[in-house]
Amino acid sequence: MSIRQRLSAALSPAAMLVAILALVLSAAGAGYAAGKIGTSDLKDNAVTSPKVKNGTLKAADLVKEKPFTYVRAAAFDDGGEGDCVWQSAQDLLPGLARVGYRLDRFGTVHLSGLVVGTNGPGGDGVCGDQSEDARVFRLPAKYRPQKHAISTQGDGGTGGTLLIVSRNGINVPGLSLPAGTVYWTGDASFGLILEGISFPAAGSKVYGRTADARVGTAEGRALLKRLGIG
């Protein structure tokens, strides 16, 4: 058969029909296979950021954010002897945020609320004259920081240093604090503002922040020196 005859046969209506049918069946087979691919067919970490179209992910596609867990009245410290009773300021002035904590989808812990301390009838009846009086409450294990979280508030007689103890706890001469302790060296009656305080949770992959360098009180500086971090 000559070249012309072979080309003529290849371009005949019957041959074209066979070719088109083959193409359609091939495409249908690929579509069928794609429809059968599930999550188990994908390797771990196979879908990366460049493969995701910008602006297509929605809140429903992300890990759901959890609400705040609020500190129960019984969970606040009392100075060890009932002479320094801590409580949420929301109990005294409705409308304020309650004292609480939550862990976001990225592994960062956020605190909320305002906490105040008052003189109780137990012990020496004075709130603020002993290190035990500065223990406000303890965070549960998964809400504790990677490293001791430190910040300062105010200045003068009412200001102080906020220390949130890491999962390793603190045990140095003159000061022993269990892991997760929220510790405030300032004036208890003035209150400790927890709103806006955040830090990486222990075990998370969030890059840890260094201690706050703005230590505004002599008591705060003494605390950091005693801990060997100031």
C-alpha atoms as a PDB file:
ATOM      1  CA  MET A   1       0.000   0.000   0.000  1.00  0.00           C
ATOM      2  CA  SER A   2       1.372   3.382  -0.980  1.00  0.00           C
ATOM      3  CA  ILE A   3       1.861   6.272   1.472  1.00  0.00           C
ATOM      4  CA  ARG A   4      -1.124   8.107  -0.055  1.00  0.00           C
ATOM      5  CA  GLN A   5      -3.333   5.079   0.433  1.00  0.00           C
ATOM      6  CA  ARG A   6      -2.222   4.655   4.069  1.00  0.00           C
ATOM      7  CA  LEU A   7      -2.923   8.348   4.849  1.00  0.00           C
ATOM      8  CA  SER A   8      -6.304   8.104   3.144  1.00  0.00           C
ATOM      9  CA  ALA A   9      -7.201   5.066   5.269  1.00  0.00           C
ATOM     10  CA  ALA A  10      -6.046   6.777   8.468  1.00  0.00           C
ATOM     11  CA  LEU A  11      -8.144   9.860   7.716  1.00  0.00           C
ATOM     12  CA  SER A  12     -11.255   7.930   6.803  1.00  0.00           C
ATOM     13  CA  PRO A  13     -14.450   8.631   8.813  1.00  0.00           C
ATOM     14  CA  ALA A  14     -14.350   5.168  10.337  1.00  0.00           C
ATOM     15  CA  ALA A  15     -10.752   5.575  11.537  1.00  0.00           C
ATOM     16  CA  MET A  16     -11.488   9.046  12.944  1.00  0.00           C
ATOM     17  CA  LEU A  17     -14.480   7.665  14.841  1.00  0.00           C
ATOM     18  CA  VAL A  18     -12.361   4.903  16.382  1.00  0.00           C
ATOM     19  CA  ALA A  19      -9.707   7.438  17.415  1.00  0.00           C
ATOM     20  CA  ILE A  20     -12.275   9.777  18.995  1.00  0.00           C
ATOM     21  CA  LEU A  21     -13.881   6.910  20.897  1.00  0.00           C
ATOM     22  CA  ALA A  22     -10.469   5.830  22.209  1.00  0.00           C
ATOM     23  CA  LEU A  23      -9.741   9.401  23.358  1.00  0.00           C
ATOM     24  CA  VAL A  24     -13.104   9.714  25.122  1.00  0.00           C
ATOM     25  CA  LEU A  25     -12.714   6.373  26.886  1.00  0.00           C
ATOM     26  CA  SER A  26      -9.184   7.295  27.970  1.00  0.00           C
ATOM     27  CA  ALA A  27     -10.350  10.603  29.457  1.00  0.00           C
ATOM     28  CA  ALA A  28     -13.259   8.898  31.188  1.00  0.00           C
ATOM     29  CA  GLY A  29     -10.897   6.375  32.729  1.00  0.00           C
ATOM     30  CA  ALA A  30      -8.639   9.136  34.073  1.00  0.00           C
ATOM     31  CA  GLY A  31     -11.646  10.948  35.536  1.00  0.00           C
ATOM     32  CA  TYR A  32     -12.873   7.756  37.158  1.00  0.00           C
ATOM     33  CA  ALA A  33      -9.449   7.160  38.718  1.00  0.00           C
ATOM     34  CA  ALA A  34      -9.253  10.733  40.013  1.00  0.00           C
ATOM     35  CA  GLY A  35     -12.671  10.345  41.611  1.00  0.00           C
ATOM     36  CA  LYS A  36     -11.447   7.283  43.495  1.00  0.00           C
ATOM     37  CA  ILE A  37      -8.350   8.933  45.049  1.00  0.00           C
ATOM     38  CA  GLY A  38      -8.853   9.453  48.784  1.00  0.00           C
ATOM     39  CA  THR A  39      -6.830  10.791  51.724  1.00  0.00           C
ATOM     40  CA  SER A  40      -5.236   7.363  52.268  1.00  0.00           C
ATOM     41  CA  ASP A  41      -3.697   7.569  48.764  1.00  0.00           C
ATOM     42  CA  LEU A  42      -1.815  10.755  49.632  1.00  0.00           C
ATOM     43  CA  LYS A  43       1.518  10.714  51.417  1.00  0.00           C
ATOM     44  CA  ASP A  44       1.851  12.628  54.680  1.00  0.00           C
ATOM     45  CA  ASN A  45       2.673  16.314  54.081  1.00  0.00           C
ATOM     46  CA  ALA A  46       2.129  15.810  50.331  1.00  0.00           C
ATOM     47  CA  VAL A  47      -0.082  18.898  49.976  1.00  0.00           C
ATOM     48  CA  THR A  48       2.079  21.976  50.534  1.00  0.00           C
ATOM     49  CA  SER A  49       1.332  25.702  50.483  1.00  0.00           C
ATOM     50  CA  PRO A  50       2.214  26.225  46.759  1.00  0.00           C
ATOM     51  CA  LYS A  51      -0.411  23.589  45.866  1.00  0.00           C
ATOM     52  CA  VAL A  52      -3.183  25.452  47.695  1.00  0.00           C
ATOM     53  CA  LYS A  53      -4.906  28.244  45.816  1.00  0.00           C
ATOM     54  CA  ASN A  54      -4.640  31.528  47.699  1.00  0.00           C
ATOM     55  CA  GLY A  55      -7.859  32.579  49.369  1.00  0.00           C
ATOM     56  CA  THR A  56      -9.561  29.189  49.062  1.00  0.00           C
ATOM     57  CA  LEU A  57      -9.130  27.904  52.638  1.00  0.00           C
ATOM     58  CA  LYS A  58     -11.963  28.804  54.992  1.00  0.00           C
ATOM     59  CA  ALA A  59     -12.345  28.784  58.766  1.00  0.00           C
ATOM     60  CA  ALA A  60     -14.027  25.378  58.516  1.00  0.00           C
ATOM     61  CA  ASP A  61     -10.809  23.963  56.963  1.00  0.00           C
ATOM     62  CA  LEU A  62      -8.702  24.956  59.975  1.00  0.00           C
ATOM     63  CA  VAL A  63      -8.483  23.458  63.453  1.00  0.00           C
ATOM     64  CA  LYS A  64     -11.402  24.859  65.425  1.00  0.00           C
ATOM     65  CA  GLU A  65     -10.449  27.479  68.005  1.00  0.00           C
ATOM     66  CA  LYS A  66     -11.411  26.552  71.563  1.00  0.00           C
ATOM     67  CA  PRO A  67     -13.139  28.969  73.952  1.00  0.00           C
ATOM     68  CA  PHE A  68     -11.662  30.192  77.227  1.00  0.00           C
ATOM     69  CA  THR A  69     -11.695  27.922  80.247  1.00  0.00           C
ATOM     70  CA  TYR A  70     -12.512  30.020  83.291  1.00  0.00           C
ATOM     71  CA  VAL A  71     -10.824  29.631  86.663  1.00  0.00           C
ATOM     72  CA  ARG A  72     -13.229  28.340  89.302  1.00  0.00           C
ATOM     73  CA  ALA A  73     -13.420  30.218  92.604  1.00  0.00           C
ATOM     74  CA  ALA A  74     -12.040  27.199  94.468  1.00  0.00           C
ATOM     75  CA  ALA A  75      -8.971  27.112  92.196  1.00  0.00           C
ATOM     76  CA  PHE A  76      -7.652  30.517  93.314  1.00  0.00           C
ATOM     77  CA  ASP A  77      -4.964  30.518  95.993  1.00  0.00           C
ATOM     78  CA  ASP A  78      -5.492  31.951  99.473  1.00  0.00           C
ATOM     79  CA  GLY A  79      -1.942  32.553 100.696  1.00  0.00           C
ATOM     80  CA  GLY A  80      -1.699  29.040 102.076  1.00  0.00           C
ATOM     81  CA  GLU A  81      -3.369  30.039 105.324  1.00  0.00           C
ATOM     82  CA  GLY A  82      -6.397  31.966 104.133  1.00  0.00           C
ATOM     83  CA  ASP A  83      -4.812  35.379 104.697  1.00  0.00           C
ATOM     84  CA  CYS A  84      -4.635  36.370 100.988  1.00  0.00           C
ATOM     85  CA  VAL A  85      -7.780  35.487  99.089  1.00  0.00           C
ATOM     86  CA  TRP A  86      -7.551  35.859  95.318  1.00  0.00           C
ATOM     87  CA  GLN A  87     -10.608  36.135  93.084  1.00  0.00           C
ATOM     88  CA  SER A  88     -11.746  37.292  89.649  1.00  0.00           C
ATOM     89  CA  ALA A  89     -12.542  41.001  89.618  1.00  0.00           C
ATOM     90  CA  GLN A  90     -15.560  40.074  87.506  1.00  0.00           C
ATOM     91  CA  ASP A  91     -17.180  38.801  90.723  1.00  0.00           C
ATOM     92  CA  LEU A  92     -16.850  42.300  92.185  1.00  0.00           C
ATOM     93  CA  LEU A  93     -17.588  44.336  89.073  1.00  0.00           C
ATOM     94  CA  PRO A  94     -19.842  42.561  86.552  1.00  0.00           C
ATOM     95  CA  GLY A  95     -19.016  43.352  82.956  1.00  0.00           C
ATOM     96  CA  LEU A  96     -15.301  42.631  83.228  1.00  0.00           C
ATOM     97  CA  ALA A  97     -13.833  39.603  81.478  1.00  0.00           C
ATOM     98  CA  ARG A  98     -13.576  36.530  83.671  1.00  0.00           C
ATOM     99  CA  VAL A  99     -10.177  35.123  84.580  1.00  0.00           C
ATOM    100  CA  GLY A 100      -9.426  32.313  82.174  1.00  0.00           C
ATOM    101  CA  TYR A 101      -7.071  30.711  79.673  1.00  0.00           C
ATOM    102  CA  ARG A 102      -7.203  29.074  76.260  1.00  0.00           C
ATOM    103  CA  LEU A 103      -4.828  27.366  73.818  1.00  0.00           C
ATOM    104  CA  ASP A 104      -5.144  28.528  70.202  1.00  0.00           C
ATOM    105  CA  ARG A 105      -4.667  26.434  67.053  1.00  0.00           C
ATOM    106  CA  PHE A 106      -1.029  27.528  66.775  1.00  0.00           C
ATOM    107  CA  GLY A 107       0.042  26.414  70.272  1.00  0.00           C
ATOM    108  CA  THR A 108      -0.074  29.808  72.020  1.00  0.00           C
ATOM    109  CA  VAL A 109      -1.766  30.221  75.410  1.00  0.00           C
ATOM    110  CA  HIS A 110      -3.875  33.355  75.981  1.00  0.00           C
ATOM    111  CA  LEU A 111      -5.019  34.634  79.377  1.00  0.00           C
ATOM    112  CA  SER A 112      -7.972  36.858  80.183  1.00  0.00           C
ATOM    113  CA  GLY A 113      -9.461  38.882  83.006  1.00  0.00           C
ATOM    114  CA  LEU A 114      -8.386  40.854  86.068  1.00  0.00           C
ATOM    115  CA  VAL A 115      -7.621  39.172  89.384  1.00  0.00           C
ATOM    116  CA  VAL A 116      -7.426  40.875  92.805  1.00  0.00           C
ATOM    117  CA  GLY A 117      -6.362  39.764  96.264  1.00  0.00           C
ATOM    118  CA  THR A 118      -7.849  40.770  99.631  1.00  0.00           C
ATOM    119  CA  ASN A 119      -6.884  40.236 103.263  1.00  0.00           C
ATOM    120  CA  GLY A 120      -8.389  37.031 104.637  1.00  0.00           C
ATOM    121  CA  PRO A 121      -9.120  36.047 108.238  1.00  0.00           C
ATOM    122  CA  GLY A 122      -6.535  33.245 108.316  1.00  0.00           C
ATOM    123  CA  GLY A 123      -2.795  33.320 109.026  1.00  0.00           C
ATOM    124  CA  ASP A 124      -1.486  36.770 109.847  1.00  0.00           C
ATOM    125  CA  GLY A 125      -4.474  38.434 108.178  1.00  0.00           C
ATOM    126  CA  VAL A 126      -2.240  40.385 105.810  1.00  0.00           C
ATOM    127  CA  CYS A 127      -2.157  39.860 102.033  1.00  0.00           C
ATOM    128  CA  GLY A 128       1.165  40.615 100.395  1.00  0.00           C
ATOM    129  CA  ASP A 129       3.781  40.296 103.123  1.00  0.00           C
ATOM    130  CA  GLN A 130       4.888  36.742 102.292  1.00  0.00           C
ATOM    131  CA  SER A 131       5.915  34.935  99.102  1.00  0.00           C
ATOM    132  CA  GLU A 132       2.997  32.510  99.525  1.00  0.00           C
ATOM    133  CA  ASP A 133       0.603  35.440  99.193  1.00  0.00           C
ATOM    134  CA  ALA A 134       1.839  36.098  95.637  1.00  0.00           C
ATOM    135  CA  ARG A 135       0.618  32.737  94.329  1.00  0.00           C
ATOM    136  CA  VAL A 136      -2.600  33.479  92.446  1.00  0.00           C
ATOM    137  CA  PHE A 137      -3.591  30.147  90.835  1.00  0.00           C
ATOM    138  CA  ARG A 138      -2.084  27.300  88.792  1.00  0.00           C
ATOM    139  CA  LEU A 139      -2.513  26.577  85.102  1.00  0.00           C
ATOM    140  CA  PRO A 140      -3.261  22.970  84.038  1.00  0.00           C
ATOM    141  CA  ALA A 141      -0.409  21.033  82.424  1.00  0.00           C
ATOM    142  CA  LYS A 142      -1.151  21.719  78.748  1.00  0.00           C
ATOM    143  CA  TYR A 143      -1.470  25.477  79.372  1.00  0.00           C
ATOM    144  CA  ARG A 144       1.934  25.944  81.012  1.00  0.00           C
ATOM    145  CA  PRO A 145       4.735  27.836  79.217  1.00  0.00           C
ATOM    146  CA  GLN A 146       7.817  26.347  77.592  1.00  0.00           C
ATOM    147  CA  LYS A 147       9.953  28.695  79.666  1.00  0.00           C
ATOM    148  CA  HIS A 148       9.105  30.943  82.605  1.00  0.00           C
ATOM    149  CA  ALA A 149       6.943  33.739  81.197  1.00  0.00           C
ATOM    150  CA  ILE A 150       7.718  37.134  82.749  1.00  0.00           C
ATOM    151  CA  SER A 151       6.230  40.603  82.282  1.00  0.00           C
ATOM    152  CA  THR A 152       5.869  43.776  84.319  1.00  0.00           C
ATOM    153  CA  GLN A 153       2.910  46.024  85.021  1.00  0.00           C
ATOM    154  CA  GLY A 154       2.723  49.523  86.453  1.00  0.00           C
ATOM    155  CA  ASP A 155       5.410  51.107  88.595  1.00  0.00           C
ATOM    156  CA  GLY A 156       5.926  52.479  92.062  1.00  0.00           C
ATOM    157  CA  GLY A 157       3.993  50.946  94.950  1.00  0.00           C
ATOM    158  CA  THR A 158       1.295  49.225  92.887  1.00  0.00           C
ATOM    159  CA  GLY A 159       3.394  47.809  90.044  1.00  0.00           C
ATOM    160  CA  GLY A 160       5.071  44.457  90.029  1.00  0.00           C
ATOM    161  CA  THR A 161       6.306  41.479  88.069  1.00  0.00           C
ATOM    162  CA  LEU A 162       4.121  38.705  86.727  1.00  0.00           C
ATOM    163  CA  LEU A 163       5.795  35.301  86.638  1.00  0.00           C
ATOM    164  CA  ILE A 164       4.168  32.224  85.102  1.00  0.00           C
ATOM    165  CA  VAL A 165       6.173  29.148  86.024  1.00  0.00           C
ATOM    166  CA  SER A 166       7.136  26.668  83.310  1.00  0.00           C
ATOM    167  CA  ARG A 167       6.460  22.928  83.406  1.00  0.00           C
ATOM    168  CA  ASN A 168       9.742  22.372  85.291  1.00  0.00           C
ATOM    169  CA  GLY A 169       8.696  24.405  88.328  1.00  0.00           C
ATOM    170  CA  ILE A 170      11.016  26.570  90.435  1.00  0.00           C
ATOM    171  CA  ASN A 171      12.927  25.380  93.481  1.00  0.00           C
ATOM    172  CA  VAL A 172      15.608  27.802  94.614  1.00  0.00           C
ATOM    173  CA  PRO A 173      16.632  28.958  98.108  1.00  0.00           C
ATOM    174  CA  GLY A 174      13.770  30.949  99.578  1.00  0.00           C
ATOM    175  CA  LEU A 175      11.290  30.237  96.783  1.00  0.00           C
ATOM    176  CA  SER A 176       9.568  27.040  95.693  1.00  0.00           C
ATOM    177  CA  LEU A 177       6.815  27.272  93.065  1.00  0.00           C
ATOM    178  CA  PRO A 178       5.019  24.346  91.394  1.00  0.00           C
ATOM    179  CA  ALA A 179       4.754  24.192  87.596  1.00  0.00           C
ATOM    180  CA  GLY A 180       2.065  26.437  86.151  1.00  0.00           C
ATOM    181  CA  THR A 181       1.935  28.845  89.098  1.00  0.00           C
ATOM    182  CA  VAL A 182       0.767  32.370  88.261  1.00  0.00           C
ATOM    183  CA  TYR A 183       2.830  34.550  90.619  1.00  0.00           C
ATOM    184  CA  TRP A 184       2.367  38.317  91.136  1.00  0.00           C
ATOM    185  CA  THR A 185       4.760  40.489  93.152  1.00  0.00           C
ATOM    186  CA  GLY A 186       2.693  43.687  92.950  1.00  0.00           C
ATOM    187  CA  ASP A 187      -0.057  45.120  95.125  1.00  0.00           C
ATOM    188  CA  ALA A 188      -2.752  42.451  95.413  1.00  0.00           C
ATOM    189  CA  SER A 189      -5.567  44.935  96.003  1.00  0.00           C
ATOM    190  CA  PHE A 190      -4.541  46.934  92.917  1.00  0.00           C
ATOM    191  CA  GLY A 191      -5.034  43.814  90.824  1.00  0.00           C
ATOM    192  CA  LEU A 192      -3.206  41.802  88.215  1.00  0.00           C
ATOM    193  CA  ILE A 193      -4.230  42.325  84.589  1.00  0.00           C
ATOM    194  CA  LEU A 194      -4.111  39.065  82.636  1.00  0.00           C
ATOM    195  CA  GLU A 195      -5.846  40.430  79.556  1.00  0.00           C
ATOM    196  CA  GLY A 196      -3.428  40.320  76.605  1.00  0.00           C
ATOM    197  CA  ILE A 197      -0.877  38.020  78.283  1.00  0.00           C
ATOM    198  CA  SER A 198       0.175  35.190  75.943  1.00  0.00           C
ATOM    199  CA  PHE A 199       3.048  32.728  75.638  1.00  0.00           C
ATOM    200  CA  PRO A 200       3.997  29.484  73.815  1.00  0.00           C
ATOM    201  CA  ALA A 201       2.650  26.366  75.495  1.00  0.00           C
ATOM    202  CA  ALA A 202       5.061  23.651  76.554  1.00  0.00           C
ATOM    203  CA  GLY A 203       5.472  21.160  73.733  1.00  0.00           C
ATOM    204  CA  SER A 204       4.234  23.518  71.021  1.00  0.00           C
ATOM    205  CA  LYS A 205       6.354  24.541  68.035  1.00  0.00           C
ATOM    206  CA  VAL A 206       5.795  28.254  68.592  1.00  0.00           C
ATOM    207  CA  TYR A 207       9.095  30.110  68.929  1.00  0.00           C
ATOM    208  CA  GLY A 208       9.548  31.063  72.587  1.00  0.00           C
ATOM    209  CA  ARG A 209       9.837  34.687  73.632  1.00  0.00           C
ATOM    210  CA  THR A 210      12.554  35.943  75.949  1.00  0.00           C
ATOM    211  CA  ALA A 211      11.793  37.444  79.334  1.00  0.00           C
ATOM    212  CA  ASP A 212      10.424  40.969  79.407  1.00  0.00           C
ATOM    213  CA  ALA A 213      13.339  43.351  79.974  1.00  0.00           C
ATOM    214  CA  ARG A 214      11.150  46.120  81.448  1.00  0.00           C
ATOM    215  CA  VAL A 215      11.459  45.159  85.090  1.00  0.00           C
ATOM    216  CA  GLY A 216      10.056  48.275  86.719  1.00  0.00           C
ATOM    217  CA  THR A 217      10.231  47.523  90.449  1.00  0.00           C
ATOM    218  CA  ALA A 218      12.981  46.695  92.903  1.00  0.00           C
ATOM    219  CA  GLU A 219      10.963  43.683  94.065  1.00  0.00           C
ATOM    220  CA  GLY A 220      10.659  42.479  90.483  1.00  0.00           C
ATOM    221  CA  ARG A 221      14.399  42.846  89.888  1.00  0.00           C
ATOM    222  CA  ALA A 222      15.115  40.979  93.126  1.00  0.00           C
ATOM    223  CA  LEU A 223      12.822  38.159  92.032  1.00  0.00           C
ATOM    224  CA  LEU A 224      14.586  37.756  88.706  1.00  0.00           C
ATOM    225  CA  LYS A 225      17.998  37.857  90.397  1.00  0.00           C
ATOM    226  CA  ARG A 226      16.878  35.192  92.860  1.00  0.00           C
ATOM    227  CA  LEU A 227      15.770  32.999  89.977  1.00  0.00           C
ATOM    228  CA  GLY A 228      19.085  33.520  88.209  1.00  0.00           C
ATOM    229  CA  ILE A 229      17.477  35.065  85.136  1.00  0.00           C
ATOM    230  CA  GLY A 230      17.815  38.760  85.848  1.00  0.00           C
END
